[in-house]
PDB file of N, CA and C in Angstrom:
ATOM      1  N   UNK A   1     124.399  57.690  96.220  1.00  0.00           N
ATOM      2  CA  UNK A   1     123.961  58.755  95.371  1.00  0.00           C
ATOM      3  C   UNK A   1     125.422  59.477  94.625  1.00  0.00           C
ATOM      4  N   UNK A   2     125.079  60.045  94.009  1.00  0.00           N
ATOM      5  CA  UNK A   2     126.380  60.823  93.411  1.00  0.00           C
ATOM      6  C   UNK A   2     125.641  62.354  94.066  1.00  0.00           C
ATOM      7  N   UNK A   3     126.695  63.240  93.442  1.00  0.00           N
ATOM      8  CA  UNK A   3     126.735  64.416  94.275  1.00  0.00           C
ATOM      9  C   UNK A   3     125.687  65.347  92.996  1.00  0.00           C
ATOM     10  N   UNK A   4     125.544  64.925  91.934  1.00  0.00           N
ATOM     11  CA  UNK A   4     124.728  65.810  90.972  1.00  0.00           C
ATOM     12  C   UNK A   4     123.104  65.119  91.492  1.00  0.00           C
ATOM     13  N   UNK A   5     123.090  64.165  91.870  1.00  0.00           N
ATOM     14  CA  UNK A   5     121.611  63.670  91.987  1.00  0.00           C
ATOM     15  C   UNK A   5     120.825  64.182  93.770  1.00  0.00           C
ATOM     16  N   UNK A   6     122.367  64.651  94.494  1.00  0.00           N
ATOM     17  CA  UNK A   6     121.751  65.132  95.728  1.00  0.00           C
ATOM     18  C   UNK A   6     121.328  65.965  95.758  1.00  0.00           C
ATOM     19  N   UNK A   7     122.140  66.669  94.523  1.00  0.00           N
ATOM     20  CA  UNK A   7     121.880  68.665  94.239  1.00  0.00           C
ATOM     21  C   UNK A   7     120.699  68.265  93.642  1.00  0.00           C
ATOM     22  N   UNK A   8     120.025  67.697  93.059  1.00  0.00           N
ATOM     23  CA  UNK A   8     118.425  67.717  92.302  1.00  0.00           C
ATOM     24  C   UNK A   8     117.548  67.507  93.500  1.00  0.00           C
ATOM     25  N   UNK A   9     117.757  66.503  94.320  1.00  0.00           N
ATOM     26  CA  UNK A   9     116.524  65.944  95.551  1.00  0.00           C
ATOM     27  C   UNK A   9     117.018  67.230  96.289  1.00  0.00           C
ATOM     28  N   UNK A  10     117.918  67.763  96.546  1.00  0.00           N
ATOM     29  CA  UNK A  10     117.614  68.945  97.663  1.00  0.00           C
ATOM     30  C   UNK A  10     117.267  69.863  97.385  1.00  0.00           C
ATOM     31  N   UNK A  11     117.139  70.488  95.398  1.00  0.00           N
ATOM     32  CA  UNK A  11     116.028  71.534  94.741  1.00  0.00           C
ATOM     33  C   UNK A  11     115.130  70.948  94.812  1.00  0.00           C
ATOM     34  N   UNK A  12     114.408  69.707  94.514  1.00  0.00           N
ATOM     35  CA  UNK A  12     113.413  69.411  94.518  1.00  0.00           C
ATOM     36  C   UNK A  12     112.672  69.821  95.915  1.00  0.00           C
ATOM     37  N   UNK A  13     113.362  69.175  96.808  1.00  0.00           N
ATOM     38  CA  UNK A  13     112.645  69.488  98.316  1.00  0.00           C
ATOM     39  C   UNK A  13     112.374  70.540  98.630  1.00  0.00           C
ATOM     40  N   UNK A  14     113.290  71.784  98.267  1.00  0.00           N
ATOM     41  CA  UNK A  14     113.046  73.047  98.416  1.00  0.00           C
ATOM     42  C   UNK A  14     112.408  73.695  97.697  1.00  0.00           C
ATOM     43  N   UNK A  15     112.453  73.451  96.274  1.00  0.00           N
ATOM     44  CA  UNK A  15     110.690  73.793  95.288  1.00  0.00           C
ATOM     45  C   UNK A  15     109.486  72.885  96.183  1.00  0.00           C
ATOM     46  N   UNK A  16     109.301  71.985  97.117  1.00  0.00           N
ATOM     47  CA  UNK A  16     108.262  71.192  97.033  1.00  0.00           C
ATOM     48  C   UNK A  16     108.129  71.798  98.495  1.00  0.00           C
ATOM     49  N   UNK A  17     109.033  72.521  98.913  1.00  0.00           N
ATOM     50  CA  UNK A  17     108.582  73.720 100.412  1.00  0.00           C
ATOM     51  C   UNK A  17     108.140  75.189  99.914  1.00  0.00           C
ATOM     52  N   UNK A  18     108.922  75.832  98.960  1.00  0.00           N
ATOM     53  CA  UNK A  18     108.870  76.837  98.551  1.00  0.00           C
ATOM     54  C   UNK A  18     107.393  77.332  97.549  1.00  0.00           C
ATOM     55  N   UNK A  19     107.070  76.698  96.785  1.00  0.00           N
ATOM     56  CA  UNK A  19     106.055  76.998  95.911  1.00  0.00           C
ATOM     57  C   UNK A  19     104.270  76.676  96.959  1.00  0.00           C
ATOM     58  N   UNK A  20     104.356  75.769  97.924  1.00  0.00           N
ATOM     59  CA  UNK A  20     103.218  75.837  98.567  1.00  0.00           C
ATOM     60  C   UNK A  20     102.990  76.965  99.111  1.00  0.00           C
ATOM     61  N   UNK A  21     104.215  77.163  99.872  1.00  0.00           N
ATOM     62  CA  UNK A  21     104.431  79.143 100.731  1.00  0.00           C
ATOM     63  C   UNK A  21     103.883  79.909  99.205  1.00  0.00           C
ATOM     64  N   UNK A  22     104.759  79.999  98.444  1.00  0.00           N
ATOM     65  CA  UNK A  22     104.445  81.199  97.603  1.00  0.00           C
ATOM     66  C   UNK A  22     102.778  81.414  97.178  1.00  0.00           C
ATOM     67  N   UNK A  23     102.200  80.181  96.838  1.00  0.00           N
ATOM     68  CA  UNK A  23     100.896  80.024  96.975  1.00  0.00           C
ATOM     69  C   UNK A  23      99.602  80.822  98.067  1.00  0.00           C
ATOM     70  N   UNK A  24     100.196  79.896  99.070  1.00  0.00           N
ATOM     71  CA  UNK A  24      99.287  80.089 100.053  1.00  0.00           C
ATOM     72  C   UNK A  24      99.979  81.415 100.802  1.00  0.00           C
ATOM     73  N   UNK A  25     100.848  81.720 101.191  1.00  0.00           N
ATOM     74  CA  UNK A  25     101.184  82.731 101.755  1.00  0.00           C
ATOM     75  C   UNK A  25     101.328  84.135 101.435  1.00  0.00           C
ATOM     76  N   UNK A  26     102.325  84.608  99.923  1.00  0.00           N
ATOM     77  CA  UNK A  26     102.567  85.459  99.521  1.00  0.00           C
ATOM     78  C   UNK A  26     101.532  85.868  98.963  1.00  0.00           C
ATOM     79  N   UNK A  27     101.103  85.162  97.786  1.00  0.00           N
ATOM     80  CA  UNK A  27     100.096  85.640  96.896  1.00  0.00           C
ATOM     81  C   UNK A  27      98.799  86.129  97.552  1.00  0.00           C
ATOM     82  N   UNK A  28      98.295  85.948  99.151  1.00  0.00           N
ATOM     83  CA  UNK A  28      97.368  86.374  99.562  1.00  0.00           C
ATOM     84  C   UNK A  28      97.849  87.608 100.219  1.00  0.00           C
ATOM     85  N   UNK A  29      98.937  87.265 100.836  1.00  0.00           N
ATOM     86  CA  UNK A  29      99.566  89.110 101.629  1.00  0.00           C
ATOM     87  C   UNK A  29      99.578  90.073 100.408  1.00  0.00           C
ATOM     88  N   UNK A  30     100.041  89.441  99.152  1.00  0.00           N
ATOM     89  CA  UNK A  30     100.259  90.544  98.096  1.00  0.00           C
ATOM     90  C   UNK A  30      98.882  91.103  97.391  1.00  0.00           C
ATOM     91  N   UNK A  31      97.870  89.848  97.523  1.00  0.00           N
ATOM     92  CA  UNK A  31      96.349  90.296  96.914  1.00  0.00           C
ATOM     93  C   UNK A  31      95.996  91.447  98.057  1.00  0.00           C
ATOM     94  N   UNK A  32      95.762  91.261  99.249  1.00  0.00           N
ATOM     95  CA  UNK A  32      95.637  92.239 100.274  1.00  0.00           C
ATOM     96  C   UNK A  32      96.162  93.887 100.269  1.00  0.00           C
ATOM     97  N   UNK A  33      97.621  93.650  99.886  1.00  0.00           N
ATOM     98  CA  UNK A  33      98.251  95.055  99.704  1.00  0.00           C
ATOM     99  C   UNK A  33      97.788  95.787  98.762  1.00  0.00           C
ATOM    100  N   UNK A  34      97.121  94.906  97.780  1.00  0.00           N
ATOM    101  CA  UNK A  34      97.158  95.926  96.511  1.00  0.00           C
ATOM    102  C   UNK A  34      95.273  96.099  96.414  1.00  0.00           C
ATOM    103  N   UNK A  35      94.768  95.425  97.220  1.00  0.00           N
ATOM    104  CA  UNK A  35      93.306  95.446  97.499  1.00  0.00           C
ATOM    105  C   UNK A  35      93.378  97.196  97.968  1.00  0.00           C
ATOM    106  N   UNK A  36      94.265  96.994  99.483  1.00  0.00           N
ATOM    107  CA  UNK A  36      94.551  98.648 100.326  1.00  0.00           C
ATOM    108  C   UNK A  36      94.591  99.307  99.443  1.00  0.00           C
ATOM    109  N   UNK A  37      95.547  99.123  98.625  1.00  0.00           N
ATOM    110  CA  UNK A  37      95.939 100.460  97.816  1.00  0.00           C
ATOM    111  C   UNK A  37      94.751 100.799  96.894  1.00  0.00           C
ATOM    112  N   UNK A  38      94.097  99.950  96.447  1.00  0.00           N
ATOM    113  CA  UNK A  38      92.754 100.221  95.283  1.00  0.00           C
ATOM    114  C   UNK A  38      92.121 101.206  96.314  1.00  0.00           C
ATOM    115  N   UNK A  39      91.712 101.022  97.629  1.00  0.00           N
ATOM    116  CA  UNK A  39      90.957 101.631  98.781  1.00  0.00           C
ATOM    117  C   UNK A  39      91.241 102.732  98.828  1.00  0.00           C
ATOM    118  N   UNK A  40      92.831 102.788  99.034  1.00  0.00           N
ATOM    119  CA  UNK A  40      93.482 104.218  99.327  1.00  0.00           C
ATOM    120  C   UNK A  40      92.785 105.190  98.220  1.00  0.00           C
ATOM    121  N   UNK A  41      93.310 104.435  97.046  1.00  0.00           N
ATOM    122  CA  UNK A  41      93.254 105.168  95.840  1.00  0.00           C
ATOM    123  C   UNK A  41      91.744 105.984  95.405  1.00  0.00           C
ATOM    124  N   UNK A  42      91.390 105.085  95.248  1.00  0.00           N
ATOM    125  CA  UNK A  42      89.366 105.034  95.727  1.00  0.00           C
ATOM    126  C   UNK A  42      88.758 106.148  96.320  1.00  0.00           C
ATOM    127  N   UNK A  43      89.564 106.459  97.546  1.00  0.00           N
ATOM    128  CA  UNK A  43      88.729 106.733  99.043  1.00  0.00           C
ATOM    129  C   UNK A  43      89.344 108.646  98.383  1.00  0.00           C
ATOM    130  N   UNK A  44      90.697 108.582  98.041  1.00  0.00           N
ATOM    131  CA  UNK A  44      91.410 109.750  97.678  1.00  0.00           C
ATOM    132  C   UNK A  44      90.408 110.266  96.735  1.00  0.00           C
ATOM    133  N   UNK A  45      90.479 109.660  95.511  1.00  0.00           N
ATOM    134  CA  UNK A  45      89.560 110.370  94.537  1.00  0.00           C
ATOM    135  C   UNK A  45      88.213 110.979  94.902  1.00  0.00           C
ATOM    136  N   UNK A  46      87.457 110.008  95.954  1.00  0.00           N
ATOM    137  CA  UNK A  46      85.927 110.510  96.203  1.00  0.00           C
ATOM    138  C   UNK A  46      85.820 111.630  96.985  1.00  0.00           C
ATOM    139  N   UNK A  47      87.226 111.602  97.932  1.00  0.00           N
ATOM    140  CA  UNK A  47      87.257 112.842  98.776  1.00  0.00           C
ATOM    141  C   UNK A  47      87.566 113.846  97.733  1.00  0.00           C
ATOM    142  N   UNK A  48      88.440 113.739  96.845  1.00  0.00           N
ATOM    143  CA  UNK A  48      88.670 115.127  96.174  1.00  0.00           C
ATOM    144  C   UNK A  48      87.873 115.640  95.281  1.00  0.00           C
ATOM    145  N   UNK A  49      86.623 114.609  94.897  1.00  0.00           N
ATOM    146  CA  UNK A  49      85.654 115.135  94.108  1.00  0.00           C
ATOM    147  C   UNK A  49      84.894 115.744  95.074  1.00  0.00           C
ATOM    148  N   UNK A  50      84.656 114.980  96.447  1.00  0.00           N
ATOM    149  CA  UNK A  50      83.580 115.705  97.051  1.00  0.00           C
ATOM    150  C   UNK A  50      83.582 117.051  97.270  1.00  0.00           C
ATOM    151  N   UNK A  51      85.275 117.039  97.513  1.00  0.00           N
ATOM    152  CA  UNK A  51      85.927 118.725  98.074  1.00  0.00           C
ATOM    153  C   UNK A  51      85.321 119.523  97.058  1.00  0.00           C
ATOM    154  N   UNK A  52      85.661 119.240  95.764  1.00  0.00           N
ATOM    155  CA  UNK A  52      85.360 120.033  94.478  1.00  0.00           C
ATOM    156  C   UNK A  52      83.983 120.640  94.579  1.00  0.00           C
ATOM    157  N   UNK A  53      83.526 119.309  94.462  1.00  0.00           N
ATOM    158  CA  UNK A  53      82.144 119.714  94.612  1.00  0.00           C
ATOM    159  C   UNK A  53      81.569 120.717  95.150  1.00  0.00           C
ATOM    160  N   UNK A  54      81.953 120.977  96.615  1.00  0.00           N
ATOM    161  CA  UNK A  54      81.238 121.242  97.555  1.00  0.00           C
ATOM    162  C   UNK A  54      82.031 123.185  97.045  1.00  0.00           C
ATOM    163  N   UNK A  55      83.245 123.302  96.709  1.00  0.00           N
ATOM    164  CA  UNK A  55      83.668 124.146  96.494  1.00  0.00           C
ATOM    165  C   UNK A  55      82.785 125.148  95.400  1.00  0.00           C
ATOM    166  N   UNK A  56      83.009 124.712  94.424  1.00  0.00           N
ATOM    167  CA  UNK A  56      82.486 124.845  93.039  1.00  0.00           C
ATOM    168  C   UNK A  56      80.780 125.133  93.399  1.00  0.00           C
ATOM    169  N   UNK A  57      80.160 124.354  94.133  1.00  0.00           N
ATOM    170  CA  UNK A  57      78.461 124.218  94.167  1.00  0.00           C
ATOM    171  C   UNK A  57      78.367 125.527  95.530  1.00  0.00           C
ATOM    172  N   UNK A  58      79.116 125.524  96.464  1.00  0.00           N
ATOM    173  CA  UNK A  58      78.643 125.908  97.465  1.00  0.00           C
ATOM    174  C   UNK A  58      79.624 127.678  97.808  1.00  0.00           C
ATOM    175  N   UNK A  59      80.902 127.346  97.799  1.00  0.00           N
ATOM    176  CA  UNK A  59      81.722 128.248  97.940  1.00  0.00           C
ATOM    177  C   UNK A  59      82.315 129.070  96.535  1.00  0.00           C
ATOM    178  N   UNK A  60      81.701 129.124  96.012  1.00  0.00           N
ATOM    179  CA  UNK A  60      82.279 129.787  94.242  1.00  0.00           C
ATOM    180  C   UNK A  60      82.845 130.668  94.289  1.00  0.00           C
ATOM    181  N   UNK A  61      83.999 131.294  93.884  1.00  0.00           N
ATOM    182  CA  UNK A  61      84.280 132.767  94.190  1.00  0.00           C
ATOM    183  C   UNK A  61      85.092 132.865  92.795  1.00  0.00           C
ATOM    184  N   UNK A  62      85.057 134.152  92.334  1.00  0.00           N
ATOM    185  CA  UNK A  62      85.605 134.558  91.171  1.00  0.00           C
ATOM    186  C   UNK A  62      87.457 133.752  90.933  1.00  0.00           C
ATOM    187  N   UNK A  63      88.180 133.631  91.466  1.00  0.00           N
ATOM    188  CA  UNK A  63      88.945 133.670  91.458  1.00  0.00           C
ATOM    189  C   UNK A  63      89.187 131.656  91.413  1.00  0.00           C
ATOM    190  N   UNK A  64      88.065 130.753  91.563  1.00  0.00           N
ATOM    191  CA  UNK A  64      87.794 129.598  91.296  1.00  0.00           C
ATOM    192  C   UNK A  64      87.279 129.232  90.458  1.00  0.00           C
ATOM    193  N   UNK A  65      86.562 129.974  89.513  1.00  0.00           N
ATOM    194  CA  UNK A  65      85.848 129.922  88.679  1.00  0.00           C
ATOM    195  C   UNK A  65      86.668 129.227  87.276  1.00  0.00           C
ATOM    196  N   UNK A  66      87.976 129.481  87.017  1.00  0.00           N
ATOM    197  CA  UNK A  66      88.193 128.686  86.197  1.00  0.00           C
ATOM    198  C   UNK A  66      88.758 127.232  86.329  1.00  0.00           C
ATOM    199  N   UNK A  67      89.310 127.141  87.640  1.00  0.00           N
ATOM    200  CA  UNK A  67      89.395 126.002  88.146  1.00  0.00           C
ATOM    201  C   UNK A  67      88.036 125.168  88.433  1.00  0.00           C
ATOM    202  N   UNK A  68      87.043 125.360  88.611  1.00  0.00           N
ATOM    203  CA  UNK A  68      86.149 124.649  88.840  1.00  0.00           C
ATOM    204  C   UNK A  68      85.356 123.844  87.299  1.00  0.00           C
ATOM    205  N   UNK A  69      85.562 124.939  86.598  1.00  0.00           N
ATOM    206  CA  UNK A  69      85.198 125.004  84.763  1.00  0.00           C
ATOM    207  C   UNK A  69      85.994 123.431  84.625  1.00  0.00           C
ATOM    208  N   UNK A  70      87.120 123.966  85.026  1.00  0.00           N
ATOM    209  CA  UNK A  70      87.947 122.296  84.124  1.00  0.00           C
ATOM    210  C   UNK A  70      88.096 121.249  85.258  1.00  0.00           C
ATOM    211  N   UNK A  71      87.387 121.492  86.199  1.00  0.00           N
ATOM    212  CA  UNK A  71      86.865 120.452  87.243  1.00  0.00           C
ATOM    213  C   UNK A  71      85.664 119.548  86.434  1.00  0.00           C
ATOM    214  N   UNK A  72      84.744 120.473  86.129  1.00  0.00           N
ATOM    215  CA  UNK A  72      83.527 119.790  85.523  1.00  0.00           C
ATOM    216  C   UNK A  72      83.595 119.253  84.198  1.00  0.00           C
ATOM    217  N   UNK A  73      84.469 119.887  83.385  1.00  0.00           N
ATOM    218  CA  UNK A  73      85.290 119.255  82.176  1.00  0.00           C
ATOM    219  C   UNK A  73      85.573 118.066  82.418  1.00  0.00           C
ATOM    220  N   UNK A  74      86.238 117.651  83.130  1.00  0.00           N
ATOM    221  CA  UNK A  74      86.708 116.652  83.740  1.00  0.00           C
ATOM    222  C   UNK A  74      86.160 115.388  84.095  1.00  0.00           C
ATOM    223  N   UNK A  75      85.032 116.107  85.472  1.00  0.00           N
ATOM    224  CA  UNK A  75      84.030 115.168  85.753  1.00  0.00           C
ATOM    225  C   UNK A  75      83.077 114.568  84.505  1.00  0.00           C
ATOM    226  N   UNK A  76      82.831 115.639  83.278  1.00  0.00           N
ATOM    227  CA  UNK A  76      81.971 115.097  82.410  1.00  0.00           C
ATOM    228  C   UNK A  76      82.375 114.219  81.700  1.00  0.00           C
ATOM    229  N   UNK A  77      83.728 114.230  81.320  1.00  0.00           N
ATOM    230  CA  UNK A  77      84.442 113.213  80.395  1.00  0.00           C
ATOM    231  C   UNK A  77      84.941 111.862  81.328  1.00  0.00           C
ATOM    232  N   UNK A  78      84.770 111.757  82.433  1.00  0.00           N
ATOM    233  CA  UNK A  78      84.564 110.630  83.273  1.00  0.00           C
ATOM    234  C   UNK A  78      85.993 110.016  83.934  1.00  0.00           C
ATOM    235  N   UNK A  79      86.641 111.416  84.212  1.00  0.00           N
ATOM    236  CA  UNK A  79      87.992 111.185  84.554  1.00  0.00           C
ATOM    237  C   UNK A  79      87.994 110.247  86.412  1.00  0.00           C
ATOM    238  N   UNK A  80      87.158 110.813  86.615  1.00  0.00           N
ATOM    239  CA  UNK A  80      87.300 110.525  87.933  1.00  0.00           C
ATOM    240  C   UNK A  80      86.408 109.309  88.460  1.00  0.00           C
ATOM    241  N   UNK A  81      85.866 108.416  87.360  1.00  0.00           N
ATOM    242  CA  UNK A  81      85.476 106.882  87.993  1.00  0.00           C
ATOM    243  C   UNK A  81      86.602 106.056  87.843  1.00  0.00           C
ATOM    244  N   UNK A  82      86.193 105.530  88.909  1.00  0.00           N
ATOM    245  CA  UNK A  82      87.120 104.113  89.490  1.00  0.00           C
ATOM    246  C   UNK A  82      86.894 103.188  89.254  1.00  0.00           C
ATOM    247  N   UNK A  83      87.733 101.769  88.764  1.00  0.00           N
ATOM    248  CA  UNK A  83      87.916 101.175  88.168  1.00  0.00           C
ATOM    249  C   UNK A  83      87.577 100.133  89.180  1.00  0.00           C
ATOM    250  N   UNK A  84      86.481  98.849  89.026  1.00  0.00           N
ATOM    251  CA  UNK A  84      86.224  97.715  90.343  1.00  0.00           C
ATOM    252  C   UNK A  84      87.428  97.281  90.208  1.00  0.00           C
ATOM    253  N   UNK A  85      88.125  96.673  91.491  1.00  0.00           N
ATOM    254  CA  UNK A  85      88.794  96.199  91.909  1.00  0.00           C
ATOM    255  C   UNK A  85      89.079  94.426  91.423  1.00  0.00           C
ATOM    256  N   UNK A  86      90.202  94.247  90.406  1.00  0.00           N
ATOM    257  CA  UNK A  86      90.069  92.969  89.966  1.00  0.00           C
ATOM    258  C   UNK A  86      91.284  92.166  90.632  1.00  0.00           C
ATOM    259  N   UNK A  87      90.486  90.982  91.003  1.00  0.00           N
ATOM    260  CA  UNK A  87      91.339  89.739  91.871  1.00  0.00           C
ATOM    261  C   UNK A  87      92.579  89.203  90.704  1.00  0.00           C
ATOM    262  N   UNK A  88      93.942  88.945  91.252  1.00  0.00           N
ATOM    263  CA  UNK A  88      94.959  88.508  90.350  1.00  0.00           C
ATOM    264  C   UNK A  88      94.283  86.843  90.047  1.00  0.00           C
ATOM    265  N   UNK A  89      94.554  86.609  88.534  1.00  0.00           N
ATOM    266  CA  UNK A  89      93.921  85.279  88.057  1.00  0.00           C
ATOM    267  C   UNK A  89      94.865  84.549  88.153  1.00  0.00           C
ATOM    268  N   UNK A  90      94.639  82.911  88.910  1.00  0.00           N
ATOM    269  CA  UNK A  90      95.665  82.485  89.155  1.00  0.00           C
ATOM    270  C   UNK A  90      96.496  81.502  87.357  1.00  0.00           C
ATOM    271  N   UNK A  91      97.260  81.177  88.001  1.00  0.00           N
ATOM    272  CA  UNK A  91      97.616  80.637  86.439  1.00  0.00           C
ATOM    273  C   UNK A  91      98.000  79.512  86.460  1.00  0.00           C
TER     274      UNK A  91
END
């Protein structure tokens, strides 16, 4: 075999190993980490909303009135809604 055909066969063999690894190992791991980040953002947002609702409804003080007003406006406008996690589409 000529030198170029050996290179082509070697690249084909490498691609034959790397492409399945990409789809079976890398993408599921990447999907897992994306889902963990989504859960962390969701938990952080829900915790913030709970804390602000408690501060605004239970221990409202005069100096927190403006912040609670802005929080309620943001809550009514839907700023704290969390979209569902979307799985990556296969190509």
